[in-house]
């Protein structure tokens, strides 16, 4: 497996395809909430398997010198094998190279153990986003 930053239309479409499968089809998030006005200002990451098939995605943008990690997802058939951590590591490396000192994400409550293992800490009460309970988590990387 390898993570690539989307650099062309096809790679961006790969990211959207994975996000639609996970968030829209599997989790029933409305498409208009999943694909939003921040797509063009975000850096998109795509995880590919050994056959160069897209299997995971995520996006990153910087707001007030804090890295916002969003839309982290992996196809259900390949979860639990380090795929999500590969995406997160790639995003953290990217942020580190750009000297972004802190990362922030809104984790689905069921994903909190995953992000906790990667060093993220809960900094908010539970809130609803797209009908799914979340908590905000942060991690200092610099």
N, C-alpha and C. Protein backbone atom coordinates (compact mmCIF):
# COMPACT_ATOMS: atom_id res chain seq x y z
N UNK A 1 0.83 -1.19 0.00
CA UNK A 1 0.00 0.00 0.00
C UNK A 1 0.87 1.24 0.00
N UNK A 2 0.35 2.30 -0.61
CA UNK A 2 1.08 3.57 -0.60
C UNK A 2 0.08 4.72 -0.66
N UNK A 3 0.47 5.85 -0.10
CA UNK A 3 -0.37 7.05 -0.08
C UNK A 3 0.21 8.05 -1.07
N UNK A 4 -0.68 8.67 -1.83
CA UNK A 4 -0.27 9.65 -2.83
C UNK A 4 -1.13 10.90 -2.67
N UNK A 5 -0.52 12.05 -2.83
CA UNK A 5 -1.28 13.30 -2.88
C UNK A 5 -1.91 13.39 -4.27
N UNK A 6 -3.20 13.67 -4.30
CA UNK A 6 -3.90 13.79 -5.57
C UNK A 6 -3.35 14.98 -6.35
N UNK A 7 -2.85 14.69 -7.55
CA UNK A 7 -2.23 15.73 -8.37
C UNK A 7 -2.95 15.96 -9.69
N UNK A 8 -3.95 15.14 -9.98
CA UNK A 8 -4.68 15.32 -11.23
C UNK A 8 -6.15 14.94 -11.02
N UNK A 9 -6.94 15.13 -12.04
CA UNK A 9 -8.38 14.91 -11.94
C UNK A 9 -8.70 13.46 -11.56
N UNK A 10 -8.00 12.50 -12.16
CA UNK A 10 -8.29 11.08 -11.87
C UNK A 10 -8.01 10.75 -10.40
N UNK A 11 -6.89 11.23 -9.88
CA UNK A 11 -6.56 10.96 -8.48
C UNK A 11 -7.57 11.63 -7.54
N UNK A 12 -8.01 12.83 -7.89
CA UNK A 12 -9.02 13.50 -7.08
C UNK A 12 -10.34 12.73 -7.14
N UNK A 13 -10.70 12.24 -8.32
CA UNK A 13 -11.91 11.43 -8.45
C UNK A 13 -11.80 10.14 -7.63
N UNK A 14 -10.59 9.57 -7.55
CA UNK A 14 -10.39 8.39 -6.71
C UNK A 14 -10.70 8.70 -5.25
N UNK A 15 -10.24 9.86 -4.78
CA UNK A 15 -10.51 10.26 -3.40
C UNK A 15 -12.01 10.42 -3.18
N UNK A 16 -12.68 11.11 -4.09
CA UNK A 16 -14.13 11.30 -3.97
C UNK A 16 -14.87 9.97 -4.00
N UNK A 17 -14.43 9.05 -4.86
CA UNK A 17 -15.10 7.76 -4.97
C UNK A 17 -15.05 7.00 -3.63
N UNK A 18 -13.89 6.99 -3.00
CA UNK A 18 -13.76 6.30 -1.71
C UNK A 18 -14.62 7.00 -0.67
N UNK A 19 -14.57 8.31 -0.63
CA UNK A 19 -15.38 9.06 0.34
C UNK A 19 -16.87 8.81 0.14
N UNK A 20 -17.31 8.76 -1.10
CA UNK A 20 -18.72 8.49 -1.37
C UNK A 20 -19.11 7.08 -0.91
N UNK A 21 -18.24 6.10 -1.16
CA UNK A 21 -18.54 4.73 -0.72
C UNK A 21 -18.65 4.64 0.79
N UNK A 22 -17.70 5.27 1.49
CA UNK A 22 -17.67 5.15 2.96
C UNK A 22 -18.70 6.06 3.62
N UNK A 23 -18.66 7.33 3.29
CA UNK A 23 -19.51 8.27 4.02
C UNK A 23 -20.95 8.32 3.49
N UNK A 24 -21.12 8.37 2.18
CA UNK A 24 -22.45 8.54 1.62
C UNK A 24 -23.20 7.21 1.59
N UNK A 25 -22.59 6.17 1.01
CA UNK A 25 -23.29 4.88 0.90
C UNK A 25 -23.34 4.14 2.23
N UNK A 26 -22.20 4.00 2.90
CA UNK A 26 -22.13 3.20 4.12
C UNK A 26 -22.73 3.93 5.33
N UNK A 27 -22.36 5.21 5.49
CA UNK A 27 -22.78 5.94 6.70
C UNK A 27 -23.96 6.87 6.47
N UNK A 28 -24.45 6.94 5.25
CA UNK A 28 -25.65 7.72 4.91
C UNK A 28 -25.50 9.22 5.12
N UNK A 29 -24.29 9.73 4.94
CA UNK A 29 -24.07 11.18 4.97
C UNK A 29 -24.58 11.75 3.64
N UNK A 30 -25.38 12.81 3.67
CA UNK A 30 -25.85 13.40 2.41
C UNK A 30 -24.67 13.86 1.54
N UNK A 31 -24.76 13.57 0.24
CA UNK A 31 -23.67 13.90 -0.68
C UNK A 31 -23.31 15.38 -0.62
N UNK A 32 -24.31 16.26 -0.47
CA UNK A 32 -24.03 17.70 -0.45
C UNK A 32 -23.28 18.12 0.82
N UNK A 33 -23.31 17.30 1.87
CA UNK A 33 -22.50 17.58 3.05
C UNK A 33 -21.10 16.99 2.92
N UNK A 34 -21.00 15.87 2.19
CA UNK A 34 -19.71 15.19 2.05
C UNK A 34 -18.78 15.95 1.12
N UNK A 35 -19.24 16.30 -0.04
CA UNK A 35 -18.44 17.07 -1.00
C UNK A 35 -18.84 18.53 -0.80
N UNK A 36 -17.91 19.32 -0.25
CA UNK A 36 -18.30 20.66 0.19
C UNK A 36 -17.47 21.77 -0.47
N UNK A 37 -17.64 22.97 0.03
CA UNK A 37 -16.99 24.14 -0.56
C UNK A 37 -15.50 24.22 -0.28
N UNK A 38 -14.95 23.30 0.53
CA UNK A 38 -13.53 23.35 0.87
C UNK A 38 -12.67 22.42 0.02
N UNK A 39 -13.28 21.72 -0.93
CA UNK A 39 -12.52 20.75 -1.73
C UNK A 39 -11.35 21.40 -2.47
N UNK A 40 -11.59 22.55 -3.10
CA UNK A 40 -10.56 23.18 -3.93
C UNK A 40 -9.39 23.73 -3.12
N UNK A 41 -9.62 24.07 -1.85
CA UNK A 41 -8.53 24.63 -1.03
C UNK A 41 -7.85 23.56 -0.18
N UNK A 42 -8.26 22.31 -0.34
CA UNK A 42 -7.70 21.21 0.45
C UNK A 42 -6.66 20.43 -0.36
N UNK A 43 -5.77 19.78 0.37
CA UNK A 43 -4.85 18.81 -0.23
C UNK A 43 -5.47 17.44 0.02
N UNK A 44 -5.61 16.66 -1.04
CA UNK A 44 -6.28 15.36 -0.96
C UNK A 44 -5.26 14.23 -1.01
N UNK A 45 -5.46 13.25 -0.16
CA UNK A 45 -4.57 12.09 -0.07
C UNK A 45 -5.36 10.85 -0.46
N UNK A 46 -4.73 9.97 -1.24
CA UNK A 46 -5.39 8.73 -1.65
C UNK A 46 -4.47 7.57 -1.31
N UNK A 47 -5.05 6.55 -0.67
CA UNK A 47 -4.32 5.32 -0.35
C UNK A 47 -4.64 4.30 -1.43
N UNK A 48 -3.59 3.71 -2.00
CA UNK A 48 -3.74 2.70 -3.05
C UNK A 48 -3.23 1.35 -2.55
N UNK A 49 -3.84 0.29 -3.06
CA UNK A 49 -3.36 -1.06 -2.71
C UNK A 49 -2.27 -1.48 -3.69
N UNK A 50 -1.83 -2.73 -3.56
CA UNK A 50 -0.72 -3.24 -4.38
C UNK A 50 -1.07 -3.29 -5.87
N UNK A 51 -2.37 -3.29 -6.20
CA UNK A 51 -2.80 -3.30 -7.60
C UNK A 51 -3.14 -1.89 -8.10
N UNK A 52 -2.69 -0.89 -7.37
CA UNK A 52 -2.94 0.52 -7.71
C UNK A 52 -4.42 0.88 -7.69
N UNK A 53 -5.20 0.18 -6.87
CA UNK A 53 -6.62 0.49 -6.72
C UNK A 53 -6.80 1.38 -5.48
N UNK A 54 -7.60 2.45 -5.59
CA UNK A 54 -7.82 3.31 -4.43
C UNK A 54 -8.62 2.58 -3.35
N UNK A 55 -8.14 2.68 -2.10
CA UNK A 55 -8.81 1.99 -0.99
C UNK A 55 -9.02 2.89 0.21
N UNK A 56 -8.48 4.10 0.18
CA UNK A 56 -8.64 5.02 1.31
C UNK A 56 -8.39 6.45 0.86
N UNK A 57 -8.83 7.39 1.70
CA UNK A 57 -8.66 8.80 1.34
C UNK A 57 -8.69 9.67 2.58
N UNK A 58 -8.26 10.90 2.40
CA UNK A 58 -8.32 11.91 3.45
C UNK A 58 -8.02 13.26 2.83
N UNK A 59 -8.32 14.31 3.58
CA UNK A 59 -7.97 15.64 3.08
C UNK A 59 -7.43 16.48 4.22
N UNK A 60 -6.72 17.54 3.82
CA UNK A 60 -6.00 18.39 4.77
C UNK A 60 -6.06 19.82 4.27
N UNK A 61 -6.25 20.73 5.21
CA UNK A 61 -6.15 22.15 4.90
C UNK A 61 -5.67 22.87 6.15
N UNK A 62 -5.15 24.05 5.97
CA UNK A 62 -4.63 24.83 7.09
C UNK A 62 -5.56 26.01 7.35
N UNK A 63 -5.97 26.16 8.61
CA UNK A 63 -6.81 27.26 9.03
C UNK A 63 -6.12 27.92 10.23
N UNK A 64 -5.73 29.18 10.09
CA UNK A 64 -5.06 29.90 11.18
C UNK A 64 -3.87 29.13 11.75
N UNK A 65 -3.04 28.59 10.88
CA UNK A 65 -1.83 27.85 11.22
C UNK A 65 -2.09 26.56 11.99
N UNK A 66 -3.30 26.06 11.94
CA UNK A 66 -3.63 24.74 12.50
C UNK A 66 -4.06 23.85 11.35
N UNK A 67 -3.49 22.65 11.29
CA UNK A 67 -3.84 21.71 10.24
C UNK A 67 -5.16 21.04 10.55
N UNK A 68 -6.09 21.12 9.63
CA UNK A 68 -7.40 20.48 9.80
C UNK A 68 -7.39 19.18 9.00
N UNK A 69 -7.48 18.07 9.70
CA UNK A 69 -7.50 16.74 9.08
C UNK A 69 -8.96 16.35 8.94
N UNK A 70 -9.35 15.99 7.73
CA UNK A 70 -10.75 15.70 7.46
C UNK A 70 -10.92 14.51 6.52
N UNK A 71 -12.11 13.94 6.56
CA UNK A 71 -12.57 12.94 5.60
C UNK A 71 -11.65 11.71 5.52
N UNK A 72 -11.11 11.31 6.67
CA UNK A 72 -10.28 10.11 6.69
C UNK A 72 -11.19 8.90 6.56
N UNK A 73 -10.94 8.08 5.55
CA UNK A 73 -11.78 6.90 5.35
C UNK A 73 -11.03 5.80 4.62
N UNK A 74 -11.43 4.57 4.91
CA UNK A 74 -10.85 3.39 4.30
C UNK A 74 -12.01 2.45 3.96
N UNK A 75 -11.94 1.81 2.81
CA UNK A 75 -12.98 0.85 2.46
C UNK A 75 -13.11 -0.22 3.54
N UNK A 76 -14.33 -0.63 3.82
CA UNK A 76 -14.57 -1.57 4.92
C UNK A 76 -13.80 -2.87 4.74
N UNK A 77 -13.55 -3.29 3.51
CA UNK A 77 -12.85 -4.56 3.25
C UNK A 77 -11.38 -4.54 3.64
N UNK A 78 -10.81 -3.36 3.85
CA UNK A 78 -9.38 -3.27 4.17
C UNK A 78 -9.09 -2.55 5.47
N UNK A 79 -10.10 -2.37 6.29
CA UNK A 79 -9.89 -1.72 7.59
C UNK A 79 -9.17 -2.67 8.54
N UNK A 80 -8.58 -2.10 9.57
CA UNK A 80 -7.92 -2.86 10.65
C UNK A 80 -6.58 -3.44 10.23
N UNK A 81 -6.00 -2.97 9.14
CA UNK A 81 -4.68 -3.49 8.75
C UNK A 81 -3.64 -2.39 8.61
N UNK A 82 -3.89 -1.26 9.28
CA UNK A 82 -2.93 -0.16 9.24
C UNK A 82 -3.16 0.83 8.12
N UNK A 83 -4.21 0.62 7.33
CA UNK A 83 -4.46 1.51 6.19
C UNK A 83 -4.74 2.94 6.65
N UNK A 84 -5.61 3.09 7.66
CA UNK A 84 -5.93 4.43 8.15
C UNK A 84 -4.71 5.13 8.72
N UNK A 85 -3.89 4.39 9.43
CA UNK A 85 -2.67 4.97 10.00
C UNK A 85 -1.71 5.44 8.90
N UNK A 86 -1.69 4.73 7.78
CA UNK A 86 -0.83 5.16 6.67
C UNK A 86 -1.28 6.52 6.14
N UNK A 87 -2.59 6.71 6.01
CA UNK A 87 -3.10 8.00 5.55
C UNK A 87 -2.74 9.09 6.55
N UNK A 88 -2.99 8.82 7.83
CA UNK A 88 -2.69 9.81 8.87
C UNK A 88 -1.21 10.15 8.91
N UNK A 89 -0.35 9.16 8.79
CA UNK A 89 1.10 9.41 8.80
C UNK A 89 1.51 10.29 7.63
N UNK A 90 0.92 10.04 6.46
CA UNK A 90 1.25 10.86 5.29
C UNK A 90 0.81 12.30 5.50
N UNK A 91 -0.37 12.49 6.08
CA UNK A 91 -0.86 13.84 6.34
C UNK A 91 0.03 14.53 7.37
N UNK A 92 0.42 13.82 8.42
CA UNK A 92 1.28 14.41 9.44
C UNK A 92 2.64 14.79 8.87
N UNK A 93 3.20 13.96 8.00
CA UNK A 93 4.48 14.29 7.36
C UNK A 93 4.34 15.54 6.50
N UNK A 94 3.25 15.60 5.75
CA UNK A 94 2.98 16.76 4.90
C UNK A 94 2.88 18.03 5.74
N UNK A 95 2.14 17.96 6.84
CA UNK A 95 1.98 19.12 7.74
C UNK A 95 3.32 19.51 8.37
N UNK A 96 4.08 18.53 8.77
CA UNK A 96 5.38 18.77 9.40
C UNK A 96 6.31 19.52 8.44
N UNK A 97 6.34 19.10 7.18
CA UNK A 97 7.19 19.76 6.19
C UNK A 97 6.78 21.21 5.97
N UNK A 98 5.51 21.51 6.21
CA UNK A 98 5.00 22.86 6.04
C UNK A 98 5.00 23.64 7.36
N UNK A 99 5.63 23.04 8.37
CA UNK A 99 5.80 23.66 9.68
C UNK A 99 4.47 24.06 10.31
N UNK A 100 3.47 23.20 10.14
CA UNK A 100 2.18 23.39 10.81
C UNK A 100 2.31 22.72 12.18
N UNK A 101 2.22 23.49 13.27
CA UNK A 101 2.56 22.94 14.58
C UNK A 101 1.52 22.03 15.22
N UNK A 102 0.27 22.20 14.85
CA UNK A 102 -0.78 21.43 15.51
C UNK A 102 -1.81 20.95 14.49
N UNK A 103 -2.32 19.75 14.73
CA UNK A 103 -3.38 19.19 13.89
C UNK A 103 -4.65 19.06 14.70
N UNK A 104 -5.77 19.20 14.01
CA UNK A 104 -7.08 19.14 14.65
C UNK A 104 -8.00 18.32 13.75
N UNK A 105 -8.86 17.52 14.34
CA UNK A 105 -9.83 16.76 13.57
C UNK A 105 -11.08 16.55 14.40
N UNK A 106 -12.18 16.31 13.71
CA UNK A 106 -13.43 15.96 14.37
C UNK A 106 -13.64 14.47 14.14
N UNK A 107 -13.43 13.69 15.19
CA UNK A 107 -13.47 12.23 15.09
C UNK A 107 -14.87 11.70 15.37
N UNK A 108 -15.31 10.78 14.53
CA UNK A 108 -16.51 10.05 14.87
C UNK A 108 -16.20 9.32 16.18
N UNK A 109 -17.17 9.29 17.08
CA UNK A 109 -16.92 8.71 18.42
C UNK A 109 -16.37 7.29 18.33
N UNK A 110 -16.88 6.50 17.38
CA UNK A 110 -16.38 5.12 17.27
C UNK A 110 -14.94 5.05 16.75
N UNK A 111 -14.41 6.15 16.20
CA UNK A 111 -13.03 6.18 15.71
C UNK A 111 -12.06 6.78 16.71
N UNK A 112 -12.54 7.22 17.86
CA UNK A 112 -11.66 7.85 18.86
C UNK A 112 -10.51 6.93 19.28
N UNK A 113 -10.74 5.63 19.53
CA UNK A 113 -9.60 4.78 19.89
C UNK A 113 -8.50 4.76 18.81
N UNK A 114 -8.90 4.77 17.55
CA UNK A 114 -7.93 4.80 16.44
C UNK A 114 -7.07 6.06 16.54
N UNK A 115 -7.70 7.22 16.66
CA UNK A 115 -6.96 8.48 16.72
C UNK A 115 -6.15 8.61 18.02
N UNK A 116 -6.68 8.08 19.11
CA UNK A 116 -5.94 8.11 20.39
C UNK A 116 -4.62 7.36 20.27
N UNK A 117 -4.63 6.22 19.60
CA UNK A 117 -3.39 5.44 19.41
C UNK A 117 -2.35 6.22 18.62
N UNK A 118 -2.82 7.16 17.79
CA UNK A 118 -1.91 7.98 16.99
C UNK A 118 -1.48 9.25 17.71
N UNK A 119 -1.91 9.40 18.98
CA UNK A 119 -1.46 10.54 19.78
C UNK A 119 -2.40 11.72 19.84
N UNK A 120 -3.61 11.57 19.32
CA UNK A 120 -4.58 12.66 19.38
C UNK A 120 -5.32 12.63 20.71
N UNK A 121 -5.66 13.82 21.21
CA UNK A 121 -6.35 13.94 22.50
C UNK A 121 -7.67 14.66 22.32
N UNK A 122 -8.68 14.22 23.04
CA UNK A 122 -10.01 14.82 22.97
C UNK A 122 -9.98 16.21 23.62
N UNK A 123 -10.55 17.19 22.92
CA UNK A 123 -10.57 18.56 23.45
C UNK A 123 -11.98 19.17 23.43
N UNK A 124 -13.00 18.35 23.18
CA UNK A 124 -14.36 18.89 23.14
C UNK A 124 -15.35 17.89 23.71
N UNK A 125 -16.53 18.40 23.99
CA UNK A 125 -17.65 17.53 24.32
C UNK A 125 -18.16 16.90 23.03
N UNK A 126 -19.02 15.93 23.17
CA UNK A 126 -19.60 15.28 22.00
C UNK A 126 -20.57 16.23 21.29
N UNK A 127 -20.55 16.19 19.95
CA UNK A 127 -21.48 16.97 19.13
C UNK A 127 -21.88 16.14 17.92
N UNK A 128 -22.95 16.54 17.29
CA UNK A 128 -23.43 15.82 16.11
C UNK A 128 -22.96 16.51 14.84
N UNK A 129 -22.53 15.72 13.87
CA UNK A 129 -22.16 16.22 12.55
C UNK A 129 -22.68 15.20 11.55
N UNK A 130 -23.51 15.63 10.63
CA UNK A 130 -24.13 14.75 9.63
C UNK A 130 -24.86 13.58 10.31
N UNK A 131 -25.43 13.85 11.47
CA UNK A 131 -26.18 12.82 12.18
C UNK A 131 -25.34 11.79 12.90
N UNK A 132 -24.02 12.05 13.01
CA UNK A 132 -23.08 11.10 13.62
C UNK A 132 -22.39 11.79 14.80
N UNK A 133 -22.33 11.16 15.98
CA UNK A 133 -21.65 11.78 17.12
C UNK A 133 -20.13 11.89 16.90
N UNK A 134 -19.58 13.05 17.24
CA UNK A 134 -18.16 13.36 17.05
C UNK A 134 -17.60 14.02 18.31
N UNK A 135 -16.27 14.02 18.41
CA UNK A 135 -15.54 14.85 19.37
C UNK A 135 -14.32 15.41 18.64
N UNK A 136 -13.95 16.65 19.00
CA UNK A 136 -12.77 17.26 18.42
C UNK A 136 -11.54 16.73 19.13
N UNK A 137 -10.49 16.44 18.35
CA UNK A 137 -9.22 15.94 18.89
C UNK A 137 -8.09 16.76 18.28
N UNK A 138 -7.00 16.90 19.04
CA UNK A 138 -5.84 17.64 18.55
C UNK A 138 -4.55 16.86 18.84
N UNK A 139 -3.51 17.25 18.11
CA UNK A 139 -2.17 16.67 18.31
C UNK A 139 -1.14 17.73 17.94
N UNK A 140 -0.19 17.96 18.82
CA UNK A 140 0.92 18.86 18.52
C UNK A 140 2.01 18.05 17.84
N UNK A 141 2.48 18.53 16.67
CA UNK A 141 3.49 17.77 15.93
C UNK A 141 4.83 18.49 15.85
N UNK A 142 4.85 19.76 16.20
CA UNK A 142 6.13 20.49 16.17
C UNK A 142 6.43 21.07 17.54
